[in-house]
């Protein structure tokens, strides 16, 4: 199978970014105040190793600097490093982190923020060479705020939520919202109400905002919350299935930069945060309110005990090495999860499974896949699984490499897989080797397995981005991968595909969204007589859901002996 998208070879290049950056004129660690402005990027090296003694590990240093601004300014930029991990924090007057903009990432990492306290210090920490660039500083006066004020609800409009309807009646009688919000604080958000129309889920926000939007939830559209007349209450209601499980954030006062539609959509990242009235935040590893999400799990949602750490279950081992590809001209971390072998269990090395999965950091830290594998193996739901977590050098590399990129596929097959095989205690055959991922990772898993079916005999695709198409394909109905499957001979690959019922197209025909394109690919695979397992979930584009779905995929493809 041939793909028509090719990766241009790009050399590591940052203007003026060499190891001669450490001149005395740059006060990286001096007492002078260091400022980051649009005109003056910051460059330097945080790696202060003992060059005379190679056995002494480099110390991690930090650079404190200020960002001149006015309250309400929209600030965007990036930190670029070579192969080193960097963290960018905003530090308050007490020395605590008020916001983490970049969390231990390498390569080119973008940040988005709205200035709240311009006296706060910014701190870059890690080791290695870096460059910090401030790309935008857009003041409130420069933002296109015309029409950003949420429309008030007209009294003739129909409300889905009985509680919000009752609040409207109270407001029309001259009462305040205090009693309503006191009840909300106890009940938690979103409000869940049984009505004649079905289960109504209502998201809420309280404040004197210009606008409020929902990031996540039962929509991929960044739906606007509506202001209830001229009160401090904002709301958005949906009718949802009773097995809904999802995460979301509330985004108040989203910046309105006078740029492209995409730039405006991205601006939500600057303010999206945990819902303060929701009682179930996630994940526990989150640093601040911006990296924390709120969750909701309705009564009929899947109940998976194996998602959470079980004290009595032995942990598998994690080991990490650097994988450098001269073909891709980059380096990334590869982490191998090795299961704990219990000779008293039914698990046999002869039945072992090898799992390759993309977006390593998310699946190790946020999803907690090592814990999930520990539990699934201990409970006998799956055989012994060895997992290979493939990280991205940075977000730009992810966007180049994962979408149907034949060069990246060949690097995995010809360069990475041989290195992994040398590290395995036993050889694992193709029909027990899985390649998995979500979003672009699901797209990559499918296209790589079809190109190298002699290596990857199974695919787990979670919310695969099958809406993707090569840039030179201009047809309105873009089912690129499905079209390729139709043209090629059947390959010896089994599939587990999943999609969320809320993953409909944004401003496009329903057939071109994630849900529609996954359904279409499922139909094509079944028509070609591929062994295909397909599952839809009452969820969105969401690691909160994917943490359960990855386990479902493994159980579906490799059930325990008792289930066979």
Protein backbone atom coordinates (compact mmCIF):
# COMPACT_ATOMS: atom_id res chain seq x y z
CA UNK A 1 0.00 0.00 0.00
CA UNK A 2 1.45 3.33 -1.04
CA UNK A 3 0.73 6.64 0.64
CA UNK A 4 1.16 9.95 -1.05
CA UNK A 5 2.21 12.08 1.90
CA UNK A 6 5.93 12.49 2.43
CA UNK A 7 7.92 14.00 5.26
CA UNK A 8 10.37 16.68 4.15
CA UNK A 9 13.72 16.27 5.76
CA UNK A 10 14.16 19.12 8.21
CA UNK A 11 17.36 19.93 9.98
CA UNK A 12 17.46 21.20 13.55
CA UNK A 13 17.78 24.93 13.06
CA UNK A 14 17.10 27.88 15.29
CA UNK A 15 18.43 31.22 14.20
CA UNK A 16 21.52 32.04 16.16
CA UNK A 17 20.94 29.00 18.39
CA UNK A 18 24.37 27.49 18.94
CA UNK A 19 26.53 26.60 21.84
CA UNK A 20 28.08 30.06 21.66
CA UNK A 21 24.98 31.50 23.31
CA UNK A 22 26.44 31.78 26.74
CA UNK A 23 28.10 35.16 26.39
CA UNK A 24 28.58 37.43 29.36
CA UNK A 25 26.14 39.89 27.82
CA UNK A 26 23.25 37.50 28.50
CA UNK A 27 22.36 37.67 32.22
CA UNK A 28 20.75 34.22 32.44
CA UNK A 29 21.71 33.66 36.04
CA UNK A 30 22.81 37.06 37.19
CA UNK A 31 21.06 39.51 39.43
CA UNK A 32 19.81 41.68 36.57
CA UNK A 33 16.15 41.36 35.66
CA UNK A 34 15.71 39.23 32.54
CA UNK A 35 12.73 40.13 30.38
CA UNK A 36 11.00 38.26 27.56
CA UNK A 37 9.45 40.49 24.92
CA UNK A 38 8.35 39.96 21.34
CA UNK A 39 11.46 41.77 20.14
CA UNK A 40 13.87 39.92 22.45
CA UNK A 41 13.77 36.10 22.62
CA UNK A 42 15.77 34.45 25.39
CA UNK A 43 18.50 31.94 24.57
CA UNK A 44 20.85 29.99 26.75
CA UNK A 45 21.82 26.68 28.31
CA UNK A 46 20.57 25.23 31.59
CA UNK A 47 22.92 22.26 31.44
CA UNK A 48 25.76 22.98 33.89
CA UNK A 49 27.60 19.69 33.90
CA UNK A 50 30.96 18.93 35.42
CA UNK A 51 33.01 18.58 32.25
CA UNK A 52 36.01 17.16 34.13
CA UNK A 53 34.06 14.29 35.64
CA UNK A 54 31.68 12.51 33.25
CA UNK A 55 30.34 10.36 36.11
CA UNK A 56 28.65 13.35 37.73
CA UNK A 57 25.16 13.85 36.31
CA UNK A 58 24.23 17.31 34.99
CA UNK A 59 22.36 19.46 37.45
CA UNK A 60 18.98 20.87 36.53
CA UNK A 61 18.98 24.64 36.67
CA UNK A 62 16.34 27.28 36.18
CA UNK A 63 16.00 30.70 34.60
CA UNK A 64 13.70 33.29 36.16
CA UNK A 65 12.43 36.10 33.95
CA UNK A 66 9.57 38.56 33.64
CA UNK A 67 7.08 39.18 30.84
CA UNK A 68 6.05 42.86 30.65
CA UNK A 69 2.29 42.98 30.22
CA UNK A 70 -1.02 44.48 31.26
CA UNK A 71 -3.78 42.51 32.93
CA UNK A 72 -5.88 40.78 30.28
CA UNK A 73 -3.14 40.57 27.65
CA UNK A 74 -3.26 37.41 25.53
CA UNK A 75 0.25 35.93 25.45
CA UNK A 76 1.43 33.16 23.16
CA UNK A 77 4.83 31.77 22.33
CA UNK A 78 6.99 28.70 22.51
CA UNK A 79 10.00 27.10 24.14
CA UNK A 80 12.35 25.23 21.84
CA UNK A 81 15.00 22.82 23.08
CA UNK A 82 17.16 20.25 21.40
CA UNK A 83 16.71 16.86 23.12
CA UNK A 84 16.24 18.17 26.64
CA UNK A 85 13.10 18.25 28.75
CA UNK A 86 11.89 21.69 29.81
CA UNK A 87 9.22 22.97 32.19
CA UNK A 88 7.81 26.50 32.06
CA UNK A 89 5.97 27.77 35.15
CA UNK A 90 4.44 31.03 36.34
CA UNK A 91 5.44 31.60 39.97
CA UNK A 92 3.40 33.65 42.45
CA UNK A 93 4.69 35.87 45.27
CA UNK A 94 4.84 32.92 47.68
CA UNK A 95 7.11 30.94 45.37
CA UNK A 96 4.39 28.46 44.38
CA UNK A 97 3.41 27.50 40.84
CA UNK A 98 0.28 29.41 39.84
CA UNK A 99 0.30 28.00 36.32
CA UNK A 100 2.29 25.37 34.44
CA UNK A 101 2.55 26.32 30.79
CA UNK A 102 4.84 23.51 29.62
CA UNK A 103 5.31 20.30 31.58
CA UNK A 104 8.61 18.48 31.09
CA UNK A 105 8.59 18.47 27.27
CA UNK A 106 11.31 18.65 24.64
CA UNK A 107 11.38 20.05 21.14
CA UNK A 108 9.16 22.97 20.19
CA UNK A 109 6.35 23.45 22.72
CA UNK A 110 3.77 26.25 22.48
CA UNK A 111 2.21 28.08 25.42
CA UNK A 112 -0.98 30.16 25.69
CA UNK A 113 -1.91 32.41 28.61
CA UNK A 114 -3.93 35.43 29.69
CA UNK A 115 -2.05 37.78 32.03
CA UNK A 116 -3.67 37.90 35.47
CA UNK A 117 -0.82 39.20 37.62
CA UNK A 118 1.98 40.78 35.62
CA UNK A 119 4.22 40.97 38.68
CA UNK A 120 4.55 37.18 38.72
CA UNK A 121 7.84 35.55 37.76
CA UNK A 122 8.15 33.07 34.90
CA UNK A 123 10.56 30.18 35.41
CA UNK A 124 12.10 27.82 32.87
CA UNK A 125 13.65 24.73 34.42
CA UNK A 126 15.37 21.65 33.06
CA UNK A 127 18.73 21.04 31.43
CA UNK A 128 20.17 21.79 28.03
CA UNK A 129 20.06 24.52 25.43
CA UNK A 130 16.84 26.45 24.93
CA UNK A 131 15.19 29.34 23.17
CA UNK A 132 12.08 31.13 24.49
CA UNK A 133 10.04 33.18 22.02
CA UNK A 134 7.06 35.43 22.77
CA UNK A 135 5.05 35.47 19.54
CA UNK A 136 1.98 37.48 20.51
CA UNK A 137 0.98 40.03 23.11
CA UNK A 138 -2.56 41.12 22.31
CA UNK A 139 -4.10 43.64 24.68
CA UNK A 140 -7.81 43.78 25.46
CA UNK A 141 -8.03 46.96 23.41
CA UNK A 142 -6.59 45.14 20.39
CA UNK A 143 -8.92 42.16 20.68
CA UNK A 144 -12.05 41.92 18.58
CA UNK A 145 -14.53 41.96 21.45
CA UNK A 146 -17.45 43.18 19.37
CA UNK A 147 -20.24 40.70 19.81
CA UNK A 148 -18.27 38.52 22.23
CA UNK A 149 -20.73 39.28 24.98
CA UNK A 150 -23.00 36.27 25.36
CA UNK A 151 -26.55 36.81 24.22
CA UNK A 152 -29.02 36.94 27.07
CA UNK A 153 -31.83 34.45 27.06
CA UNK A 154 -35.07 35.81 25.71
CA UNK A 155 -38.02 35.01 27.94
CA UNK A 156 -39.78 33.28 25.05
CA UNK A 157 -36.95 30.74 24.56
CA UNK A 158 -37.43 27.15 25.70
CA UNK A 159 -35.06 25.75 28.31
CA UNK A 160 -34.14 22.07 28.54
CA UNK A 161 -33.15 22.18 32.22
CA UNK A 162 -36.03 22.34 34.72
CA UNK A 163 -33.73 23.86 37.36
CA UNK A 164 -32.51 26.62 35.05
CA UNK A 165 -36.12 27.25 33.99
CA UNK A 166 -37.07 27.65 37.63
CA UNK A 167 -34.16 30.05 38.14
CA UNK A 168 -35.37 32.14 35.21
CA UNK A 169 -38.78 32.44 36.83
CA UNK A 170 -37.13 33.54 40.09
CA UNK A 171 -35.07 36.17 38.30
CA UNK A 172 -38.15 37.52 36.58
CA UNK A 173 -39.66 37.99 40.06
CA UNK A 174 -36.66 40.05 41.13
CA UNK A 175 -34.91 37.34 43.17
CA UNK A 176 -31.16 36.66 43.15
CA UNK A 177 -29.22 33.58 42.01
CA UNK A 178 -27.70 32.93 45.46
CA UNK A 179 -30.06 30.12 46.47
CA UNK A 180 -29.65 28.40 43.10
CA UNK A 181 -25.85 28.42 43.36
CA UNK A 182 -25.94 27.23 46.97
CA UNK A 183 -27.85 24.18 45.74
CA UNK A 184 -25.45 23.72 42.82
CA UNK A 185 -22.48 23.73 45.18
CA UNK A 186 -24.01 20.75 47.01
CA UNK A 187 -25.26 18.88 43.93
CA UNK A 188 -22.16 19.44 41.86
CA UNK A 189 -21.98 20.16 38.16
CA UNK A 190 -23.01 19.45 35.50
CA UNK A 191 -26.66 19.23 36.54
CA UNK A 192 -28.22 15.87 35.64
CA UNK A 193 -32.01 15.84 35.30
CA UNK A 194 -34.49 13.24 34.09
CA UNK A 195 -37.06 14.85 31.81
CA UNK A 196 -39.69 13.73 29.33
CA UNK A 197 -37.14 14.41 26.58
CA UNK A 198 -34.50 12.23 28.21
CA UNK A 199 -31.49 12.80 30.47
CA UNK A 200 -30.54 16.48 30.40
CA UNK A 201 -26.94 17.43 31.23
CA UNK A 202 -26.45 21.14 31.94
CA UNK A 203 -23.06 22.83 32.24
CA UNK A 204 -22.90 26.01 34.32
CA UNK A 205 -20.61 28.93 35.02
CA UNK A 206 -20.97 31.85 37.40
CA UNK A 207 -19.45 35.26 36.87
CA UNK A 208 -19.53 38.58 35.05
CA UNK A 209 -17.83 37.32 31.88
CA UNK A 210 -17.58 38.52 28.29
CA UNK A 211 -18.09 34.98 27.08
CA UNK A 212 -17.94 31.39 28.34
CA UNK A 213 -17.38 28.23 26.33
CA UNK A 214 -17.28 24.51 26.99
CA UNK A 215 -14.13 22.60 26.05
CA UNK A 216 -14.95 18.91 25.81
CA UNK A 217 -18.25 17.61 27.07
CA UNK A 218 -20.86 16.15 24.70
CA UNK A 219 -19.55 18.25 21.83
CA UNK A 220 -16.40 19.00 19.87
CA UNK A 221 -17.64 22.45 18.93
CA UNK A 222 -16.44 24.56 21.89
CA UNK A 223 -20.09 25.38 22.46
CA UNK A 224 -20.87 28.77 23.94
CA UNK A 225 -22.70 28.93 27.24
CA UNK A 226 -25.62 31.35 27.24
CA UNK A 227 -26.13 34.04 29.82
CA UNK A 228 -29.41 33.83 31.70
CA UNK A 229 -30.88 37.32 31.14
CA UNK A 230 -28.48 39.77 32.82
CA UNK A 231 -27.57 37.48 35.74
CA UNK A 232 -24.25 35.95 36.76
CA UNK A 233 -25.41 32.52 35.52
CA UNK A 234 -24.31 30.91 32.25
CA UNK A 235 -25.59 27.56 31.00
CA UNK A 236 -25.58 25.02 28.16
CA UNK A 237 -27.78 21.91 28.11
CA UNK A 238 -27.55 18.63 26.19
CA UNK A 239 -29.70 15.51 26.00
CA UNK A 240 -27.31 12.59 26.59
CA UNK A 241 -27.36 8.78 26.94
CA UNK A 242 -27.32 7.35 30.47
CA UNK A 243 -23.93 5.69 29.83
CA UNK A 244 -22.15 9.01 29.18
CA UNK A 245 -18.65 9.36 30.63
CA UNK A 246 -16.43 12.28 29.73
CA UNK A 247 -14.15 15.06 30.88
CA UNK A 248 -14.41 18.77 30.17
CA UNK A 249 -13.24 22.26 31.11
CA UNK A 250 -14.97 25.62 31.42
CA UNK A 251 -13.38 28.52 29.48
CA UNK A 252 -14.40 32.04 30.63
CA UNK A 253 -13.35 35.25 28.88
CA UNK A 254 -11.71 33.60 25.90
CA UNK A 255 -9.36 36.00 24.08
CA UNK A 256 -10.51 37.22 20.67
CA UNK A 257 -7.29 37.86 18.72
CA UNK A 258 -7.93 39.63 15.40
CA UNK A 259 -6.41 36.78 13.42
CA UNK A 260 -7.57 33.62 11.66
CA UNK A 261 -10.45 31.40 12.73
CA UNK A 262 -7.91 28.76 13.77
CA UNK A 263 -6.03 31.26 15.96
CA UNK A 264 -9.28 32.16 17.68
CA UNK A 265 -10.14 28.53 18.28
CA UNK A 266 -6.71 27.82 19.75
CA UNK A 267 -7.10 30.78 22.13
CA UNK A 268 -9.41 28.71 24.31
CA UNK A 269 -6.29 26.94 25.64
CA UNK A 270 -5.31 30.15 27.43
CA UNK A 271 -8.29 30.07 29.79
CA UNK A 272 -9.81 26.54 29.78
CA UNK A 273 -9.83 25.29 33.37
CA UNK A 274 -11.43 22.93 35.85
CA UNK A 275 -15.08 23.53 36.73
CA UNK A 276 -15.01 24.80 40.35
CA UNK A 277 -18.46 23.34 41.08
CA UNK A 278 -17.66 19.84 39.80
CA UNK A 279 -16.84 17.28 42.52
CA UNK A 280 -14.75 14.95 40.35
CA UNK A 281 -11.48 16.36 39.01
CA UNK A 282 -8.91 14.43 36.97
CA UNK A 283 -6.07 13.55 36.66
CA UNK A 284 -4.47 13.56 40.09
CA UNK A 285 -1.11 14.48 38.58
CA UNK A 286 -2.43 17.85 37.37
CA UNK A 287 -0.43 20.86 38.56
CA UNK A 288 -3.00 23.68 38.46
CA UNK A 289 -6.58 24.47 37.52
CA UNK A 290 -5.62 24.77 33.85
CA UNK A 291 -4.14 21.26 33.63
CA UNK A 292 -7.02 19.76 35.63
CA UNK A 293 -10.22 18.53 34.01
CA UNK A 294 -13.66 17.89 35.46
CA UNK A 295 -15.39 14.56 34.85
CA UNK A 296 -18.87 13.13 34.79
CA UNK A 297 -19.80 9.44 34.79
CA UNK A 298 -23.48 8.56 34.53
CA UNK A 299 -25.08 5.51 36.11
CA UNK A 300 -24.89 3.18 33.09
CA UNK A 301 -21.32 4.06 32.10
CA UNK A 302 -18.81 1.20 31.94
CA UNK A 303 -17.49 0.18 35.36
CA UNK A 304 -13.87 -0.85 34.94
CA UNK A 305 -12.20 -1.76 38.21
CA UNK A 306 -8.87 -2.23 36.51
CA UNK A 307 -8.44 1.50 35.73
CA UNK A 308 -7.39 2.28 39.30
CA UNK A 309 -4.29 1.13 41.13
CA UNK A 310 -4.92 -2.01 43.20
CA UNK A 311 -2.62 -2.26 46.21
CA UNK A 312 -2.23 -6.03 45.99
CA UNK A 313 -1.33 -6.10 42.29
CA UNK A 314 2.41 -6.26 41.46
CA UNK A 315 3.75 -3.49 39.26
CA UNK A 316 5.45 -4.05 35.95
CA UNK A 317 8.83 -2.47 35.27
CA UNK A 318 9.44 0.60 33.10
CA UNK A 319 12.69 1.28 31.27
CA UNK A 320 13.45 4.11 28.85
CA UNK A 321 16.01 4.59 26.12
CA UNK A 322 16.71 7.23 23.48
CA UNK A 323 15.84 6.32 19.91
CA UNK A 324 17.52 8.41 17.23
CA UNK A 325 16.55 8.19 13.58
CA UNK A 326 18.80 9.76 11.00
CA UNK A 327 15.97 9.32 8.50
CA UNK A 328 13.60 11.50 10.54
CA UNK A 329 16.47 13.58 11.90
CA UNK A 330 15.19 13.49 15.49
CA UNK A 331 15.43 11.69 18.81
CA UNK A 332 12.64 10.51 21.10
CA UNK A 333 12.14 8.52 24.29
CA UNK A 334 10.98 4.94 23.99
CA UNK A 335 9.65 3.41 27.21
CA UNK A 336 9.17 -0.34 27.59
CA UNK A 337 6.70 -1.77 30.10
CA UNK A 338 7.66 -5.31 31.15
CA UNK A 339 4.98 -7.23 33.04
CA UNK A 340 5.62 -9.04 36.31
CA UNK A 341 5.52 -12.77 35.66
CA UNK A 342 3.64 -14.80 38.27
CA UNK A 343 4.36 -18.47 37.69
CA UNK A 344 1.30 -19.43 39.75
CA UNK A 345 -1.02 -17.72 37.27
CA UNK A 346 -2.38 -19.05 34.01
CA UNK A 347 -0.47 -16.40 32.07
CA UNK A 348 2.07 -18.03 29.77
CA UNK A 349 4.97 -16.51 27.89
CA UNK A 350 3.80 -18.50 24.88
CA UNK A 351 0.64 -16.36 24.76
CA UNK A 352 2.47 -13.07 25.29
CA UNK A 353 1.33 -9.93 23.49
CA UNK A 354 3.49 -7.04 22.29
CA UNK A 355 1.77 -3.63 22.24
CA UNK A 356 3.18 -0.55 20.50
CA UNK A 357 1.35 2.67 21.42
CA UNK A 358 1.81 6.31 20.45
CA UNK A 359 1.69 9.47 22.61
CA UNK A 360 3.81 7.90 25.34
CA UNK A 361 3.59 10.70 27.90
CA UNK A 362 -0.21 10.79 27.84
CA UNK A 363 -0.62 7.02 28.04
CA UNK A 364 1.95 6.59 30.80
CA UNK A 365 1.06 9.56 33.02
CA UNK A 366 -2.49 10.69 32.22
CA UNK A 367 -4.10 7.40 31.18
CA UNK A 368 -2.00 5.28 33.52
CA UNK A 369 -1.70 2.41 31.04
CA UNK A 370 1.05 0.64 33.05
CA UNK A 371 -1.42 0.38 35.96
CA UNK A 372 -4.18 -0.79 33.62
CA UNK A 373 -1.90 -3.52 32.24
CA UNK A 374 -0.87 -4.56 35.75
CA UNK A 375 -4.52 -5.04 36.69
CA UNK A 376 -5.67 -6.72 33.48
CA UNK A 377 -2.82 -9.21 33.63
CA UNK A 378 -3.27 -9.90 37.34
CA UNK A 379 -7.01 -10.52 36.87
CA UNK A 380 -6.34 -12.86 33.97
CA UNK A 381 -8.36 -10.74 31.54
CA UNK A 382 -5.47 -10.57 29.06
CA UNK A 383 -2.22 -12.53 28.57
CA UNK A 384 1.17 -11.10 29.50
CA UNK A 385 1.48 -7.80 27.65
CA UNK A 386 4.76 -6.02 26.96
CA UNK A 387 4.12 -2.42 25.94
CA UNK A 388 6.33 -0.09 23.90
CA UNK A 389 5.44 3.58 24.47
CA UNK A 390 6.51 5.80 21.56
CA UNK A 391 6.89 9.49 22.43
CA UNK A 392 6.75 12.49 20.11
CA UNK A 393 9.80 14.76 19.81
CA UNK A 394 7.29 17.65 19.88
CA UNK A 395 3.80 18.54 18.66
CA UNK A 396 5.02 19.61 15.23
CA UNK A 397 6.71 16.25 14.74
CA UNK A 398 3.53 14.48 15.85
CA UNK A 399 1.51 16.35 13.22
CA UNK A 400 4.06 15.41 10.53
CA UNK A 401 4.70 11.82 11.45
CA UNK A 402 1.44 10.24 12.54
CA UNK A 403 -0.96 11.06 9.68
CA UNK A 404 -0.33 8.35 7.05
CA UNK A 405 3.39 9.09 6.73
CA UNK A 406 5.20 6.25 4.90
CA UNK A 407 8.63 7.44 6.00
CA UNK A 408 7.63 7.31 9.67
CA UNK A 409 6.00 3.90 9.14
CA UNK A 410 9.21 2.54 7.61
CA UNK A 411 11.35 3.96 10.41
CA UNK A 412 9.22 2.15 12.99
CA UNK A 413 9.33 -1.11 11.05
CA UNK A 414 12.95 -1.04 9.95
CA UNK A 415 14.73 0.90 12.70
CA UNK A 416 12.72 0.78 15.94
CA UNK A 417 11.25 -2.74 15.85
CA UNK A 418 14.67 -4.45 15.50
CA UNK A 419 15.90 -2.54 18.56
CA UNK A 420 12.82 -3.58 20.54
CA UNK A 421 13.17 -7.22 19.50
CA UNK A 422 16.73 -7.28 20.86
CA UNK A 423 15.39 -6.16 24.25
CA UNK A 424 12.58 -8.71 24.52
CA UNK A 425 13.11 -11.87 26.60
CA UNK A 426 11.08 -13.91 24.08
CA UNK A 427 10.15 -13.43 20.44
CA UNK A 428 6.51 -12.40 20.00
CA UNK A 429 4.92 -13.31 16.64
CA UNK A 430 3.16 -10.89 14.30
CA UNK A 431 -0.32 -12.22 15.06
CA UNK A 432 0.19 -11.23 18.71
CA UNK A 433 1.74 -7.83 18.00
CA UNK A 434 -0.52 -4.77 18.27
CA UNK A 435 -0.04 -1.17 17.21
CA UNK A 436 -2.39 1.26 18.94
CA UNK A 437 -3.21 4.92 19.31
CA UNK A 438 -5.89 7.57 19.62
CA UNK A 439 -6.80 10.45 17.31
CA UNK A 440 -3.82 10.87 14.92
CA UNK A 441 -2.36 7.85 16.73
CA UNK A 442 -5.32 5.71 15.67
CA UNK A 443 -4.88 6.86 12.08
CA UNK A 444 -1.18 6.04 12.27
CA UNK A 445 -1.81 2.60 13.79
CA UNK A 446 -4.11 1.62 10.93
CA UNK A 447 -1.97 2.92 8.07
CA UNK A 448 1.27 1.52 9.52
CA UNK A 449 -0.24 -1.93 10.10
CA UNK A 450 -1.61 -2.04 6.54
CA UNK A 451 1.81 -1.03 5.19
CA UNK A 452 3.75 -3.45 7.44
CA UNK A 453 1.33 -6.30 8.12
CA UNK A 454 4.32 -8.64 8.35
CA UNK A 455 5.17 -6.94 11.67
CA UNK A 456 1.91 -5.55 13.09
CA UNK A 457 -0.94 -8.06 12.95
CA UNK A 458 -3.42 -6.14 15.11
CA UNK A 459 -4.69 -2.56 15.43
CA UNK A 460 -6.39 -0.75 18.31
CA UNK A 461 -7.68 2.57 17.00
CA UNK A 462 -9.44 4.89 19.45
CA UNK A 463 -11.22 7.84 17.83
CA UNK A 464 -8.94 7.55 14.83
CA UNK A 465 -8.70 10.76 12.78
CA UNK A 466 -9.92 9.21 9.53
CA UNK A 467 -11.18 12.61 8.42
CA UNK A 468 -7.54 13.32 7.52
CA UNK A 469 -6.62 13.48 3.84
CA UNK A 470 -3.52 14.48 1.85
CA UNK A 471 -3.32 18.16 1.03
CA UNK A 472 -3.69 17.53 -2.71
CA UNK A 473 -7.00 15.72 -2.22
CA UNK A 474 -9.77 18.26 -2.65
CA UNK A 475 -12.91 16.12 -2.92
CA UNK A 476 -15.66 17.07 -0.47
CA UNK A 477 -16.08 13.52 0.86
CA UNK A 478 -12.62 12.70 2.17
CA UNK A 479 -12.45 9.05 3.26
CA UNK A 480 -8.80 8.64 2.31
CA UNK A 481 -7.90 5.58 4.39
CA UNK A 482 -11.11 3.75 3.51
CA UNK A 483 -10.46 4.43 -0.18
CA UNK A 484 -6.96 2.99 0.14
CA UNK A 485 -8.33 -0.13 1.84
CA UNK A 486 -10.74 -0.63 -1.06
CA UNK A 487 -7.89 -0.48 -3.59
CA UNK A 488 -5.41 -2.76 -1.80
CA UNK A 489 -5.38 -6.52 -1.35
CA UNK A 490 -6.62 -7.77 2.00
CA UNK A 491 -3.82 -7.80 4.61
CA UNK A 492 -3.54 -10.22 7.57
CA UNK A 493 -4.53 -7.57 10.17
CA UNK A 494 -7.25 -7.62 12.83
CA UNK A 495 -8.91 -4.41 13.98
CA UNK A 496 -10.49 -2.97 17.10
CA UNK A 497 -12.01 0.41 16.16
CA UNK A 498 -13.84 2.74 18.50
CA UNK A 499 -15.39 6.19 18.34
CA UNK A 500 -17.38 8.47 20.62
CA UNK A 501 -21.00 9.28 19.79
CA UNK A 502 -20.22 12.94 20.54
CA UNK A 503 -17.39 13.07 17.96
CA UNK A 504 -19.39 14.56 15.16
CA UNK A 505 -17.97 16.86 12.52
CA UNK A 506 -17.38 20.52 13.39
CA UNK A 507 -19.19 22.64 10.83
CA UNK A 508 -19.07 19.87 8.23
CA UNK A 509 -21.28 17.04 7.06
CA UNK A 510 -21.69 14.30 9.67
CA UNK A 511 -19.95 11.75 7.44
CA UNK A 512 -16.66 13.65 7.65
CA UNK A 513 -16.32 13.76 11.43
CA UNK A 514 -14.51 11.18 13.53
CA UNK A 515 -17.70 9.25 14.21
CA UNK A 516 -18.81 9.22 10.58
CA UNK A 517 -15.42 8.31 9.13
CA UNK A 518 -14.90 5.53 11.68
CA UNK A 519 -18.28 4.04 10.78
CA UNK A 520 -17.41 4.22 7.09
CA UNK A 521 -14.01 2.56 7.61
CA UNK A 522 -15.69 -0.16 9.70
CA UNK A 523 -18.09 -0.88 6.85
CA UNK A 524 -15.28 -1.07 4.30
CA UNK A 525 -13.20 -3.39 6.50
CA UNK A 526 -16.16 -5.70 7.07
CA UNK A 527 -16.96 -5.70 3.35
CA UNK A 528 -13.34 -6.74 2.67
CA UNK A 529 -13.80 -9.52 5.29
CA UNK A 530 -11.33 -8.12 7.81
CA UNK A 531 -11.67 -9.41 11.37
CA UNK A 532 -13.08 -6.16 12.78
CA UNK A 533 -14.36 -5.36 16.28
CA UNK A 534 -16.16 -2.01 16.46
CA UNK A 535 -17.48 -0.19 19.51
CA UNK A 536 -19.10 3.19 20.08
CA UNK A 537 -19.04 4.94 23.45
CA UNK A 538 -21.08 7.77 24.93
CA UNK A 539 -17.91 9.85 25.11
CA UNK A 540 -15.94 12.42 23.18
CA UNK A 541 -12.36 12.97 22.03
CA UNK A 542 -11.08 12.26 25.47
CA UNK A 543 -8.26 10.45 27.32
CA UNK A 544 -10.71 10.00 30.19
CA UNK A 545 -12.65 7.60 27.96
CA UNK A 546 -9.64 6.19 26.12
CA UNK A 547 -8.13 4.91 29.37
CA UNK A 548 -10.98 2.39 29.49
CA UNK A 549 -11.18 1.75 25.76
CA UNK A 550 -7.54 0.66 25.45
CA UNK A 551 -8.31 -2.11 27.91
CA UNK A 552 -11.48 -3.04 26.02
CA UNK A 553 -9.43 -3.33 22.84
CA UNK A 554 -6.89 -5.68 24.38
CA UNK A 555 -9.60 -7.85 25.96
CA UNK A 556 -11.48 -7.96 22.66
CA UNK A 557 -8.47 -8.98 20.57
CA UNK A 558 -6.82 -11.24 23.16
CA UNK A 559 -9.49 -12.61 25.53
CA UNK A 560 -8.56 -14.82 28.47
CA UNK A 561 -8.62 -18.57 27.92
CA UNK A 562 -11.85 -18.80 29.93
CA UNK A 563 -13.62 -16.53 27.43
CA UNK A 564 -12.42 -18.29 24.31
